[in-house]
Amino acid sequence: MFRRPGVTNGAIGSVPYMRDLIRTAYPDAKFNEDIRHRMTAEEIIAFLADCDCAIMGGDVVNDRVLEALPHIRNIGIFGVGLNTVDLAACQRHGVRLGFTPGVNRLAVAELALCFMIAGLRWVTPLSLAMRNGERPRTRVGRSLTGRTVGLHGCGHIGKEVVRLLRPFGCTIITHDIRDYPEFYAAHGVTPVGFDELLERSEVLSLHIPRGRATENLYDAATLARLRPDCVLVNTCRGGIVNEDALLERLESGALVAACIDVFAHEPAENDRLLRQPNLLSTPHAGASTKEARIAMVQAALRGLDEGTLVDPAQFTDYL
């Protein structure tokens, strides 16, 4: 049994109910409570110097950190992203990671569903016009019911989106490098090639990891292949959609709407994009429900005891 985990992520330490969950298991747990500043590698090393394990999420884990902290051999991961974790370094240093894929899937899927309806019904431009005192007349949108919804990726979150869409009677198509024939058959999902996904989707929701194959995948050329009436939804990772190309499509009216929760740099930097009336944006809030946060803390606590030595090749879907 560990005595003192160090909790490096300020998004945990700054929230009383999450601190209480951890302190119930580990009364001497140490918390970073600064939510505005992401610790550097050197700050992480200093913070964990008197701890015997760590709960981390979105924090740098690399050779430098692990070499300086030989007493840290177990890390429970808060969240589902491993893009800041050098898995090969963990393997070299014998560090065990506890990681639960899909622990926040319902929260992210619900936001994706919210985005779909908001994009189809002109919620953002109408709200902005009302706020600005313009008193706009009703603007005719489209129902989600009966639409063709494309999912790029049908893993944990994609499957949850499929379940949430069931009452809407949508035609659901998906493109994934993996095949889920039993799930597709049970839920009436049709797998398609990438070209068909782009050409047919009236709503296109992205649920893929960011990696060499997907970074900047939705560039100007790819975005130009979307239907002009398509609502693009991204709740997965920033850097997959080229933000300059997206801005051009939205400004020109070549894309009716986009709903984006993740950006290449966070906090998001492109104010011109953020001010587009046909863009609905949120600050990486997909997993930001109380229920999801509790589930992620509980998963991180389990990860301390159940973590394993990782094979980097097995975790490429979560980078």
C-alpha atoms as a PDB file:
ATOM      1  CA  MET A   1       0.000   0.000   0.000  1.00  0.00           C
ATOM      2  CA  PHE A   2       1.329   3.406  -0.934  1.00  0.00           C
ATOM      3  CA  ARG A   3       1.596   6.087   1.693  1.00  0.00           C
ATOM      4  CA  ARG A   4       1.742   9.385  -0.159  1.00  0.00           C
ATOM      5  CA  PRO A   5       0.712   9.891  -3.768  1.00  0.00           C
ATOM      6  CA  GLY A   6       1.596  13.200  -5.353  1.00  0.00           C
ATOM      7  CA  VAL A   7      -1.232  14.625  -7.451  1.00  0.00           C
ATOM      8  CA  THR A   8       0.366  16.876 -10.047  1.00  0.00           C
ATOM      9  CA  ASN A   9      -2.675  18.010 -12.021  1.00  0.00           C
ATOM     10  CA  GLY A  10      -4.157  21.203 -10.601  1.00  0.00           C
ATOM     11  CA  ALA A  11      -7.558  20.355 -12.098  1.00  0.00           C
ATOM     12  CA  ILE A  12      -7.776  17.626  -9.436  1.00  0.00           C
ATOM     13  CA  GLY A  13      -6.152  19.419  -6.538  1.00  0.00           C
ATOM     14  CA  SER A  14      -8.242  22.560  -6.916  1.00  0.00           C
ATOM     15  CA  VAL A  15     -11.573  20.711  -6.578  1.00  0.00           C
ATOM     16  CA  PRO A  16     -12.622  19.730  -3.035  1.00  0.00           C
ATOM     17  CA  TYR A  17     -14.706  16.657  -3.913  1.00  0.00           C
ATOM     18  CA  MET A  18     -11.841  15.190  -5.961  1.00  0.00           C
ATOM     19  CA  ARG A  19      -9.309  15.893  -3.209  1.00  0.00           C
ATOM     20  CA  ASP A  20     -11.663  14.234  -0.712  1.00  0.00           C
ATOM     21  CA  LEU A  21     -11.939  11.083  -2.838  1.00  0.00           C
ATOM     22  CA  ILE A  22      -8.164  10.708  -2.865  1.00  0.00           C
ATOM     23  CA  ARG A  23      -7.706  11.630   0.792  1.00  0.00           C
ATOM     24  CA  THR A  24     -10.206   8.938   1.784  1.00  0.00           C
ATOM     25  CA  ALA A  25      -7.771   6.387   0.383  1.00  0.00           C
ATOM     26  CA  TYR A  26      -4.559   8.311   1.102  1.00  0.00           C
ATOM     27  CA  PRO A  27      -4.870  10.842   3.962  1.00  0.00           C
ATOM     28  CA  ASP A  28      -1.311  12.125   3.373  1.00  0.00           C
ATOM     29  CA  ALA A  29      -1.744  12.738  -0.358  1.00  0.00           C
ATOM     30  CA  LYS A  30       0.006  15.838  -1.683  1.00  0.00           C
ATOM     31  CA  PHE A  31      -1.832  18.135  -4.109  1.00  0.00           C
ATOM     32  CA  ASN A  32      -0.906  20.748  -6.632  1.00  0.00           C
ATOM     33  CA  GLU A  33      -3.826  23.181  -6.404  1.00  0.00           C
ATOM     34  CA  ASP A  34      -2.788  25.651  -9.114  1.00  0.00           C
ATOM     35  CA  ILE A  35      -5.188  25.110 -12.013  1.00  0.00           C
ATOM     36  CA  ARG A  36      -3.765  27.966 -14.109  1.00  0.00           C
ATOM     37  CA  HIS A  37      -0.226  26.630 -14.450  1.00  0.00           C
ATOM     38  CA  ARG A  38       0.837  23.319 -15.962  1.00  0.00           C
ATOM     39  CA  MET A  39       3.948  22.086 -14.149  1.00  0.00           C
ATOM     40  CA  THR A  40       7.216  21.894 -16.031  1.00  0.00           C
ATOM     41  CA  ALA A  41       9.375  18.777 -15.822  1.00  0.00           C
ATOM     42  CA  GLU A  42      11.583  20.436 -13.195  1.00  0.00           C
ATOM     43  CA  GLU A  43       8.575  21.463 -11.122  1.00  0.00           C
ATOM     44  CA  ILE A  44       7.189  17.920 -11.273  1.00  0.00           C
ATOM     45  CA  ILE A  45      10.520  16.548 -10.073  1.00  0.00           C
ATOM     46  CA  ALA A  46      10.567  18.916  -7.105  1.00  0.00           C
ATOM     47  CA  PHE A  47       6.902  18.311  -6.283  1.00  0.00           C
ATOM     48  CA  LEU A  48       7.187  14.505  -6.246  1.00  0.00           C
ATOM     49  CA  ALA A  49      10.466  14.351  -4.332  1.00  0.00           C
ATOM     50  CA  ASP A  50       8.764  13.243  -1.085  1.00  0.00           C
ATOM     51  CA  CYS A  51       6.053  11.046  -2.653  1.00  0.00           C
ATOM     52  CA  ASP A  52       6.080   7.304  -3.297  1.00  0.00           C
ATOM     53  CA  CYS A  53       3.673   7.236  -6.276  1.00  0.00           C
ATOM     54  CA  ALA A  54       1.864   9.730  -8.479  1.00  0.00           C
ATOM     55  CA  ILE A  55      -1.513  10.557  -9.972  1.00  0.00           C
ATOM     56  CA  MET A  56      -0.961  12.491 -13.187  1.00  0.00           C
ATOM     57  CA  GLY A  57      -2.977  13.697 -16.151  1.00  0.00           C
ATOM     58  CA  GLY A  58      -1.676  15.795 -19.018  1.00  0.00           C
ATOM     59  CA  ASP A  59       1.674  16.135 -17.222  1.00  0.00           C
ATOM     60  CA  VAL A  60       5.112  15.519 -18.690  1.00  0.00           C
ATOM     61  CA  VAL A  61       6.468  12.026 -18.030  1.00  0.00           C
ATOM     62  CA  ASN A  62       9.798  11.462 -19.764  1.00  0.00           C
ATOM     63  CA  ASP A  63      13.324  10.190 -19.181  1.00  0.00           C
ATOM     64  CA  ARG A  64      14.367  13.377 -17.373  1.00  0.00           C
ATOM     65  CA  VAL A  65      11.480  13.128 -14.910  1.00  0.00           C
ATOM     66  CA  LEU A  66      11.810   9.397 -14.313  1.00  0.00           C
ATOM     67  CA  GLU A  67      15.601   9.491 -13.894  1.00  0.00           C
ATOM     68  CA  ALA A  68      15.239  12.157 -11.224  1.00  0.00           C
ATOM     69  CA  LEU A  69      12.466  10.249  -9.430  1.00  0.00           C
ATOM     70  CA  PRO A  70      13.692   6.638  -9.104  1.00  0.00           C
ATOM     71  CA  HIS A  71      11.323   6.114  -6.157  1.00  0.00           C
ATOM     72  CA  ILE A  72       8.250   6.716  -8.336  1.00  0.00           C
ATOM     73  CA  ARG A  73       7.399   3.355  -9.858  1.00  0.00           C
ATOM     74  CA  ASN A  74       3.592   3.570 -10.072  1.00  0.00           C
ATOM     75  CA  ILE A  75       1.564   6.262 -11.831  1.00  0.00           C
ATOM     76  CA  GLY A  76      -2.229   6.370 -11.976  1.00  0.00           C
ATOM     77  CA  ILE A  77      -3.420   8.262 -15.039  1.00  0.00           C
ATOM     78  CA  PHE A  78      -6.234  10.792 -14.644  1.00  0.00           C
ATOM     79  CA  GLY A  79      -8.054  10.973 -17.984  1.00  0.00           C
ATOM     80  CA  VAL A  80      -7.650   9.126 -21.263  1.00  0.00           C
ATOM     81  CA  GLY A  81      -4.828  10.934 -23.066  1.00  0.00           C
ATOM     82  CA  LEU A  82      -1.250   9.662 -23.034  1.00  0.00           C
ATOM     83  CA  ASN A  83       0.173  12.217 -25.455  1.00  0.00           C
ATOM     84  CA  THR A  84       2.409  13.765 -22.758  1.00  0.00           C
ATOM     85  CA  VAL A  85       3.680  10.402 -21.512  1.00  0.00           C
ATOM     86  CA  ASP A  86       6.793   8.889 -23.044  1.00  0.00           C
ATOM     87  CA  LEU A  87       5.722   5.257 -22.933  1.00  0.00           C
ATOM     88  CA  ALA A  88       9.121   3.977 -24.030  1.00  0.00           C
ATOM     89  CA  ALA A  89      10.715   5.874 -21.135  1.00  0.00           C
ATOM     90  CA  CYS A  90       8.245   4.270 -18.719  1.00  0.00           C
ATOM     91  CA  GLN A  91       9.179   0.882 -20.103  1.00  0.00           C
ATOM     92  CA  ARG A  92      12.912   1.600 -19.759  1.00  0.00           C
ATOM     93  CA  HIS A  93      12.546   2.743 -16.155  1.00  0.00           C
ATOM     94  CA  GLY A  94      10.184  -0.034 -15.087  1.00  0.00           C
ATOM     95  CA  VAL A  95       7.367   2.377 -14.258  1.00  0.00           C
ATOM     96  CA  ARG A  96       3.897   0.850 -14.056  1.00  0.00           C
ATOM     97  CA  LEU A  97       1.016   2.846 -15.538  1.00  0.00           C
ATOM     98  CA  GLY A  98      -2.602   2.482 -14.491  1.00  0.00           C
ATOM     99  CA  PHE A  99      -4.797   3.675 -17.333  1.00  0.00           C
ATOM    100  CA  THR A 100      -8.515   3.140 -18.048  1.00  0.00           C
ATOM    101  CA  PRO A 101      -9.475   3.808 -21.674  1.00  0.00           C
ATOM    102  CA  GLY A 102     -12.908   5.303 -22.240  1.00  0.00           C
ATOM    103  CA  VAL A 103     -13.559   6.268 -18.630  1.00  0.00           C
ATOM    104  CA  ASN A 104     -14.984   9.652 -19.713  1.00  0.00           C
ATOM    105  CA  ARG A 105     -16.763   8.418 -22.855  1.00  0.00           C
ATOM    106  CA  LEU A 106     -20.328   9.311 -21.870  1.00  0.00           C
ATOM    107  CA  ALA A 107     -19.475  12.903 -20.990  1.00  0.00           C
ATOM    108  CA  VAL A 108     -17.644  13.465 -24.280  1.00  0.00           C
ATOM    109  CA  ALA A 109     -20.386  11.741 -26.292  1.00  0.00           C
ATOM    110  CA  GLU A 110     -23.049  13.929 -24.682  1.00  0.00           C
ATOM    111  CA  LEU A 111     -21.123  17.064 -25.651  1.00  0.00           C
ATOM    112  CA  ALA A 112     -20.803  15.759 -29.222  1.00  0.00           C
ATOM    113  CA  LEU A 113     -24.563  15.247 -29.345  1.00  0.00           C
ATOM    114  CA  CYS A 114     -25.110  18.750 -27.951  1.00  0.00           C
ATOM    115  CA  PHE A 115     -22.817  20.130 -30.657  1.00  0.00           C
ATOM    116  CA  MET A 116     -24.682  18.316 -33.420  1.00  0.00           C
ATOM    117  CA  ILE A 117     -28.030  19.807 -32.480  1.00  0.00           C
ATOM    118  CA  ALA A 118     -26.569  23.268 -31.832  1.00  0.00           C
ATOM    119  CA  GLY A 119     -24.789  23.320 -35.199  1.00  0.00           C
ATOM    120  CA  LEU A 120     -27.851  22.193 -37.139  1.00  0.00           C
ATOM    121  CA  ARG A 121     -30.160  24.689 -35.394  1.00  0.00           C
ATOM    122  CA  TRP A 122     -27.960  27.826 -35.713  1.00  0.00           C
ATOM    123  CA  VAL A 123     -27.745  28.091 -31.928  1.00  0.00           C
ATOM    124  CA  THR A 124     -24.470  30.059 -31.858  1.00  0.00           C
ATOM    125  CA  PRO A 125     -25.241  32.772 -34.450  1.00  0.00           C
ATOM    126  CA  LEU A 126     -28.766  33.222 -33.106  1.00  0.00           C
ATOM    127  CA  SER A 127     -27.524  33.487 -29.522  1.00  0.00           C
ATOM    128  CA  LEU A 128     -24.852  36.005 -30.532  1.00  0.00           C
ATOM    129  CA  ALA A 129     -27.409  38.089 -32.413  1.00  0.00           C
ATOM    130  CA  MET A 130     -29.780  38.072 -29.432  1.00  0.00           C
ATOM    131  CA  ARG A 131     -26.955  39.018 -27.082  1.00  0.00           C
ATOM    132  CA  ASN A 132     -25.970  41.895 -29.384  1.00  0.00           C
ATOM    133  CA  GLY A 133     -29.506  43.293 -29.312  1.00  0.00           C
ATOM    134  CA  GLU A 134     -30.209  42.501 -32.963  1.00  0.00           C
ATOM    135  CA  ARG A 135     -33.492  40.663 -32.222  1.00  0.00           C
ATOM    136  CA  PRO A 136     -33.101  38.318 -35.189  1.00  0.00           C
ATOM    137  CA  ARG A 137     -36.031  36.695 -36.885  1.00  0.00           C
ATOM    138  CA  THR A 138     -36.261  32.934 -36.651  1.00  0.00           C
ATOM    139  CA  ARG A 139     -33.647  31.206 -38.773  1.00  0.00           C
ATOM    140  CA  VAL A 140     -34.663  27.853 -40.208  1.00  0.00           C
ATOM    141  CA  GLY A 141     -32.318  25.053 -39.261  1.00  0.00           C
ATOM    142  CA  ARG A 142     -32.392  21.290 -39.671  1.00  0.00           C
ATOM    143  CA  SER A 143     -33.418  18.475 -37.378  1.00  0.00           C
ATOM    144  CA  LEU A 144     -30.890  15.925 -36.200  1.00  0.00           C
ATOM    145  CA  THR A 145     -33.599  13.307 -36.669  1.00  0.00           C
ATOM    146  CA  GLY A 146     -33.109  11.492 -39.946  1.00  0.00           C
ATOM    147  CA  ARG A 147     -29.713  13.043 -40.774  1.00  0.00           C
ATOM    148  CA  THR A 148     -26.736  11.092 -42.088  1.00  0.00           C
ATOM    149  CA  VAL A 149     -24.196  11.230 -39.264  1.00  0.00           C
ATOM    150  CA  GLY A 150     -20.615  10.227 -39.971  1.00  0.00           C
ATOM    151  CA  LEU A 151     -18.276   9.128 -37.211  1.00  0.00           C
ATOM    152  CA  HIS A 152     -14.558   9.183 -37.875  1.00  0.00           C
ATOM    153  CA  GLY A 153     -13.593   6.620 -35.267  1.00  0.00           C
ATOM    154  CA  CYS A 154     -15.935   4.206 -33.522  1.00  0.00           C
ATOM    155  CA  GLY A 155     -14.013   3.285 -30.383  1.00  0.00           C
ATOM    156  CA  HIS A 156     -15.185   3.949 -26.830  1.00  0.00           C
ATOM    157  CA  ILE A 157     -16.633   7.415 -27.470  1.00  0.00           C
ATOM    158  CA  GLY A 158     -17.837   6.714 -30.987  1.00  0.00           C
ATOM    159  CA  LYS A 159     -19.843   3.736 -29.742  1.00  0.00           C
ATOM    160  CA  GLU A 160     -21.385   5.886 -27.014  1.00  0.00           C
ATOM    161  CA  VAL A 161     -22.395   8.476 -29.623  1.00  0.00           C
ATOM    162  CA  VAL A 162     -24.078   5.708 -31.628  1.00  0.00           C
ATOM    163  CA  ARG A 163     -26.112   4.709 -28.561  1.00  0.00           C
ATOM    164  CA  LEU A 164     -27.143   8.302 -27.849  1.00  0.00           C
ATOM    165  CA  LEU A 165     -28.239   8.768 -31.466  1.00  0.00           C
ATOM    166  CA  ARG A 166     -30.598   5.785 -31.358  1.00  0.00           C
ATOM    167  CA  PRO A 167     -33.800   7.825 -30.697  1.00  0.00           C
ATOM    168  CA  PHE A 168     -33.035  10.180 -33.596  1.00  0.00           C
ATOM    169  CA  GLY A 169     -33.338   7.630 -36.368  1.00  0.00           C
ATOM    170  CA  CYS A 170     -30.133   8.761 -38.063  1.00  0.00           C
ATOM    171  CA  THR A 171     -28.297   6.960 -40.808  1.00  0.00           C
ATOM    172  CA  ILE A 172     -24.943   6.328 -39.143  1.00  0.00           C
ATOM    173  CA  ILE A 173     -21.807   5.687 -41.152  1.00  0.00           C
ATOM    174  CA  THR A 174     -18.331   5.282 -39.750  1.00  0.00           C
ATOM    175  CA  HIS A 175     -14.727   5.033 -40.821  1.00  0.00           C
ATOM    176  CA  ASP A 176     -12.223   3.365 -38.506  1.00  0.00           C
ATOM    177  CA  ILE A 177      -8.907   1.589 -38.959  1.00  0.00           C
ATOM    178  CA  ARG A 178     -10.391  -1.153 -36.782  1.00  0.00           C
ATOM    179  CA  ASP A 179     -13.470  -3.204 -37.534  1.00  0.00           C
ATOM    180  CA  TYR A 180     -16.332  -3.747 -35.082  1.00  0.00           C
ATOM    181  CA  PRO A 181     -18.690  -5.967 -37.095  1.00  0.00           C
ATOM    182  CA  GLU A 182     -20.779  -7.193 -34.158  1.00  0.00           C
ATOM    183  CA  PHE A 183     -21.347  -3.671 -32.858  1.00  0.00           C
ATOM    184  CA  TYR A 184     -22.126  -2.376 -36.347  1.00  0.00           C
ATOM    185  CA  ALA A 185     -24.665  -5.130 -36.945  1.00  0.00           C
ATOM    186  CA  ALA A 186     -26.322  -4.660 -33.555  1.00  0.00           C
ATOM    187  CA  HIS A 187     -26.700  -0.889 -33.967  1.00  0.00           C
ATOM    188  CA  GLY A 188     -27.272  -0.496 -37.704  1.00  0.00           C
ATOM    189  CA  VAL A 189     -23.955   1.241 -38.365  1.00  0.00           C
ATOM    190  CA  THR A 190     -22.441   1.077 -41.848  1.00  0.00           C
ATOM    191  CA  PRO A 191     -18.631   1.105 -42.176  1.00  0.00           C
ATOM    192  CA  VAL A 192     -17.419   3.143 -45.162  1.00  0.00           C
ATOM    193  CA  GLY A 193     -14.168   4.319 -46.693  1.00  0.00           C
ATOM    194  CA  PHE A 194     -12.756   7.740 -45.851  1.00  0.00           C
ATOM    195  CA  ASP A 195     -13.860   9.237 -49.177  1.00  0.00           C
ATOM    196  CA  GLU A 196     -17.459   8.162 -48.650  1.00  0.00           C
ATOM    197  CA  LEU A 197     -17.413   9.421 -45.063  1.00  0.00           C
ATOM    198  CA  LEU A 198     -16.457  12.902 -46.261  1.00  0.00           C
ATOM    199  CA  GLU A 199     -18.903  12.954 -49.151  1.00  0.00           C
ATOM    200  CA  ARG A 200     -22.026  11.717 -47.360  1.00  0.00           C
ATOM    201  CA  SER A 201     -21.878  13.124 -43.824  1.00  0.00           C
ATOM    202  CA  GLU A 202     -24.375  15.863 -43.000  1.00  0.00           C
ATOM    203  CA  VAL A 203     -22.857  15.826 -39.522  1.00  0.00           C
ATOM    204  CA  LEU A 204     -19.279  14.590 -39.171  1.00  0.00           C
ATOM    205  CA  SER A 205     -18.044  13.870 -35.642  1.00  0.00           C
ATOM    206  CA  LEU A 206     -14.361  13.099 -35.034  1.00  0.00           C
ATOM    207  CA  HIS A 207     -13.288  10.482 -32.494  1.00  0.00           C
ATOM    208  CA  ILE A 208      -9.718   9.596 -33.436  1.00  0.00           C
ATOM    209  CA  PRO A 209      -6.357   9.929 -31.645  1.00  0.00           C
ATOM    210  CA  ARG A 210      -3.762  12.496 -32.625  1.00  0.00           C
ATOM    211  CA  GLY A 211      -0.669  10.901 -34.088  1.00  0.00           C
ATOM    212  CA  ARG A 212       1.523  10.993 -37.142  1.00  0.00           C
ATOM    213  CA  ALA A 213      -1.257   9.606 -39.328  1.00  0.00           C
ATOM    214  CA  THR A 214      -3.955  12.016 -38.134  1.00  0.00           C
ATOM    215  CA  GLU A 215      -2.140  15.278 -37.382  1.00  0.00           C
ATOM    216  CA  ASN A 216      -3.417  17.964 -39.757  1.00  0.00           C
ATOM    217  CA  LEU A 217      -5.508  15.285 -41.499  1.00  0.00           C
ATOM    218  CA  TYR A 218      -8.389  17.704 -41.943  1.00  0.00           C
ATOM    219  CA  ASP A 219      -6.412  20.228 -43.957  1.00  0.00           C
ATOM    220  CA  ALA A 220      -7.719  22.549 -46.672  1.00  0.00           C
ATOM    221  CA  ALA A 221      -7.948  19.763 -49.248  1.00  0.00           C
ATOM    222  CA  THR A 222      -9.869  17.433 -46.930  1.00  0.00           C
ATOM    223  CA  LEU A 223     -12.213  20.128 -45.639  1.00  0.00           C
ATOM    224  CA  ALA A 224     -12.988  21.091 -49.239  1.00  0.00           C
ATOM    225  CA  ARG A 225     -14.402  17.622 -49.796  1.00  0.00           C
ATOM    226  CA  LEU A 226     -17.077  18.018 -47.105  1.00  0.00           C
ATOM    227  CA  ARG A 227     -20.617  18.880 -48.095  1.00  0.00           C
ATOM    228  CA  PRO A 228     -21.146  22.639 -47.694  1.00  0.00           C
ATOM    229  CA  ASP A 229     -24.093  21.884 -45.392  1.00  0.00           C
ATOM    230  CA  CYS A 230     -21.992  19.601 -43.174  1.00  0.00           C
ATOM    231  CA  VAL A 231     -21.662  20.366 -39.455  1.00  0.00           C
ATOM    232  CA  LEU A 232     -18.139  19.407 -38.376  1.00  0.00           C
ATOM    233  CA  VAL A 233     -17.764  18.304 -34.733  1.00  0.00           C
ATOM    234  CA  ASN A 234     -14.410  17.749 -33.038  1.00  0.00           C
ATOM    235  CA  THR A 235     -14.294  16.573 -29.435  1.00  0.00           C
ATOM    236  CA  CYS A 236     -11.205  14.354 -29.754  1.00  0.00           C
ATOM    237  CA  ARG A 237      -7.850  16.132 -30.119  1.00  0.00           C
ATOM    238  CA  GLY A 238      -6.566  19.472 -31.342  1.00  0.00           C
ATOM    239  CA  GLY A 239      -4.178  19.497 -34.271  1.00  0.00           C
ATOM    240  CA  ILE A 240      -6.269  17.061 -36.307  1.00  0.00           C
ATOM    241  CA  VAL A 241      -8.249  19.878 -37.924  1.00  0.00           C
ATOM    242  CA  ASN A 242      -6.127  22.603 -39.524  1.00  0.00           C
ATOM    243  CA  GLU A 243      -7.473  25.736 -37.879  1.00  0.00           C
ATOM    244  CA  ASP A 244      -6.410  28.164 -40.618  1.00  0.00           C
ATOM    245  CA  ALA A 245      -8.130  26.022 -43.239  1.00  0.00           C
ATOM    246  CA  LEU A 246     -11.214  25.748 -41.043  1.00  0.00           C
ATOM    247  CA  LEU A 247     -11.321  29.524 -40.635  1.00  0.00           C
ATOM    248  CA  GLU A 248     -11.225  29.989 -44.410  1.00  0.00           C
ATOM    249  CA  ARG A 249     -14.087  27.528 -44.923  1.00  0.00           C
ATOM    250  CA  LEU A 250     -16.236  29.155 -42.236  1.00  0.00           C
ATOM    251  CA  GLU A 251     -15.548  32.728 -43.368  1.00  0.00           C
ATOM    252  CA  SER A 252     -16.369  31.938 -46.972  1.00  0.00           C
ATOM    253  CA  GLY A 253     -19.538  30.046 -46.103  1.00  0.00           C
ATOM    254  CA  ALA A 254     -18.166  26.910 -47.752  1.00  0.00           C
ATOM    255  CA  LEU A 255     -18.845  25.057 -44.473  1.00  0.00           C
ATOM    256  CA  VAL A 256     -22.081  25.790 -42.689  1.00  0.00           C
ATOM    257  CA  ALA A 257     -20.871  25.263 -39.116  1.00  0.00           C
ATOM    258  CA  ALA A 258     -18.186  23.764 -36.930  1.00  0.00           C
ATOM    259  CA  CYS A 259     -18.320  22.821 -33.257  1.00  0.00           C
ATOM    260  CA  ILE A 260     -14.877  22.461 -31.703  1.00  0.00           C
ATOM    261  CA  ASP A 261     -13.849  21.513 -28.163  1.00  0.00           C
ATOM    262  CA  VAL A 262     -10.120  20.984 -28.782  1.00  0.00           C
ATOM    263  CA  PHE A 263      -7.407  23.122 -30.333  1.00  0.00           C
ATOM    264  CA  ALA A 264      -3.824  22.714 -31.490  1.00  0.00           C
ATOM    265  CA  HIS A 265      -2.703  25.047 -28.699  1.00  0.00           C
ATOM    266  CA  GLU A 266      -4.688  25.342 -25.507  1.00  0.00           C
ATOM    267  CA  PRO A 267      -5.877  27.788 -24.398  1.00  0.00           C
ATOM    268  CA  ALA A 268      -6.924  28.478 -27.989  1.00  0.00           C
ATOM    269  CA  GLU A 269      -5.014  31.331 -29.636  1.00  0.00           C
ATOM    270  CA  ASN A 270      -6.785  32.206 -32.896  1.00  0.00           C
ATOM    271  CA  ASP A 271      -9.281  34.899 -31.895  1.00  0.00           C
ATOM    272  CA  ARG A 272     -10.380  35.418 -35.486  1.00  0.00           C
ATOM    273  CA  LEU A 273     -11.492  31.790 -35.633  1.00  0.00           C
ATOM    274  CA  LEU A 274     -13.099  31.902 -32.194  1.00  0.00           C
ATOM    275  CA  ARG A 275     -15.176  34.960 -33.186  1.00  0.00           C
ATOM    276  CA  GLN A 276     -16.740  33.276 -36.207  1.00  0.00           C
ATOM    277  CA  PRO A 277     -20.513  33.257 -35.670  1.00  0.00           C
ATOM    278  CA  ASN A 278     -20.814  29.801 -37.249  1.00  0.00           C
ATOM    279  CA  LEU A 279     -18.260  28.323 -34.851  1.00  0.00           C
ATOM    280  CA  LEU A 280     -19.368  26.930 -31.499  1.00  0.00           C
ATOM    281  CA  SER A 281     -16.284  26.439 -29.328  1.00  0.00           C
ATOM    282  CA  THR A 282     -15.580  25.215 -25.816  1.00  0.00           C
ATOM    283  CA  PRO A 283     -12.255  25.012 -23.907  1.00  0.00           C
ATOM    284  CA  HIS A 284     -11.583  21.237 -23.948  1.00  0.00           C
ATOM    285  CA  ALA A 285     -14.647  20.660 -21.794  1.00  0.00           C
ATOM    286  CA  GLY A 286     -15.688  17.264 -23.132  1.00  0.00           C
ATOM    287  CA  ALA A 287     -14.870  15.383 -19.940  1.00  0.00           C
ATOM    288  CA  SER A 288     -15.872  18.246 -17.656  1.00  0.00           C
ATOM    289  CA  THR A 289     -18.845  16.789 -15.856  1.00  0.00           C
ATOM    290  CA  LYS A 290     -18.787  16.012 -12.167  1.00  0.00           C
ATOM    291  CA  GLU A 291     -19.689  12.405 -12.892  1.00  0.00           C
ATOM    292  CA  ALA A 292     -16.834  11.991 -15.372  1.00  0.00           C
ATOM    293  CA  ARG A 293     -14.323  13.650 -13.048  1.00  0.00           C
ATOM    294  CA  ILE A 294     -15.269  11.342 -10.189  1.00  0.00           C
ATOM    295  CA  ALA A 295     -14.942   8.332 -12.495  1.00  0.00           C
ATOM    296  CA  MET A 296     -11.509   9.518 -13.668  1.00  0.00           C
ATOM    297  CA  VAL A 297     -10.243   9.979 -10.096  1.00  0.00           C
ATOM    298  CA  GLN A 298     -11.515   6.535  -9.148  1.00  0.00           C
ATOM    299  CA  ALA A 299      -9.798   5.066 -12.216  1.00  0.00           C
ATOM    300  CA  ALA A 300      -6.534   6.802 -11.319  1.00  0.00           C
ATOM    301  CA  LEU A 301      -6.707   5.408  -7.777  1.00  0.00           C
ATOM    302  CA  ARG A 302      -7.285   1.898  -9.127  1.00  0.00           C
ATOM    303  CA  GLY A 303      -4.419   2.476 -11.513  1.00  0.00           C
ATOM    304  CA  LEU A 304      -1.961   2.869  -8.650  1.00  0.00           C
ATOM    305  CA  ASP A 305      -2.640  -0.709  -7.554  1.00  0.00           C
ATOM    306  CA  GLU A 306      -3.464  -2.295 -10.903  1.00  0.00           C
ATOM    307  CA  GLY A 307      -0.957  -0.571 -13.173  1.00  0.00           C
ATOM    308  CA  THR A 308       1.251  -2.602 -15.485  1.00  0.00           C
ATOM    309  CA  LEU A 309       4.502  -2.267 -17.351  1.00  0.00           C
ATOM    310  CA  VAL A 310       3.476  -0.865 -20.700  1.00  0.00           C
ATOM    311  CA  ASP A 311       4.206  -1.939 -24.233  1.00  0.00           C
ATOM    312  CA  PRO A 312       4.153   1.337 -26.190  1.00  0.00           C
ATOM    313  CA  ALA A 313       2.761  -0.408 -29.277  1.00  0.00           C
ATOM    314  CA  GLN A 314      -0.411  -1.291 -27.370  1.00  0.00           C
ATOM    315  CA  PHE A 315      -1.263   2.299 -26.513  1.00  0.00           C
ATOM    316  CA  THR A 316      -1.033   4.075 -29.870  1.00  0.00           C
ATOM    317  CA  ASP A 317      -4.806   4.664 -29.943  1.00  0.00           C
ATOM    318  CA  TYR A 318      -4.583   6.915 -26.878  1.00  0.00           C
ATOM    319  CA  LEU A 319      -1.667   9.173 -27.821  1.00  0.00           C
END
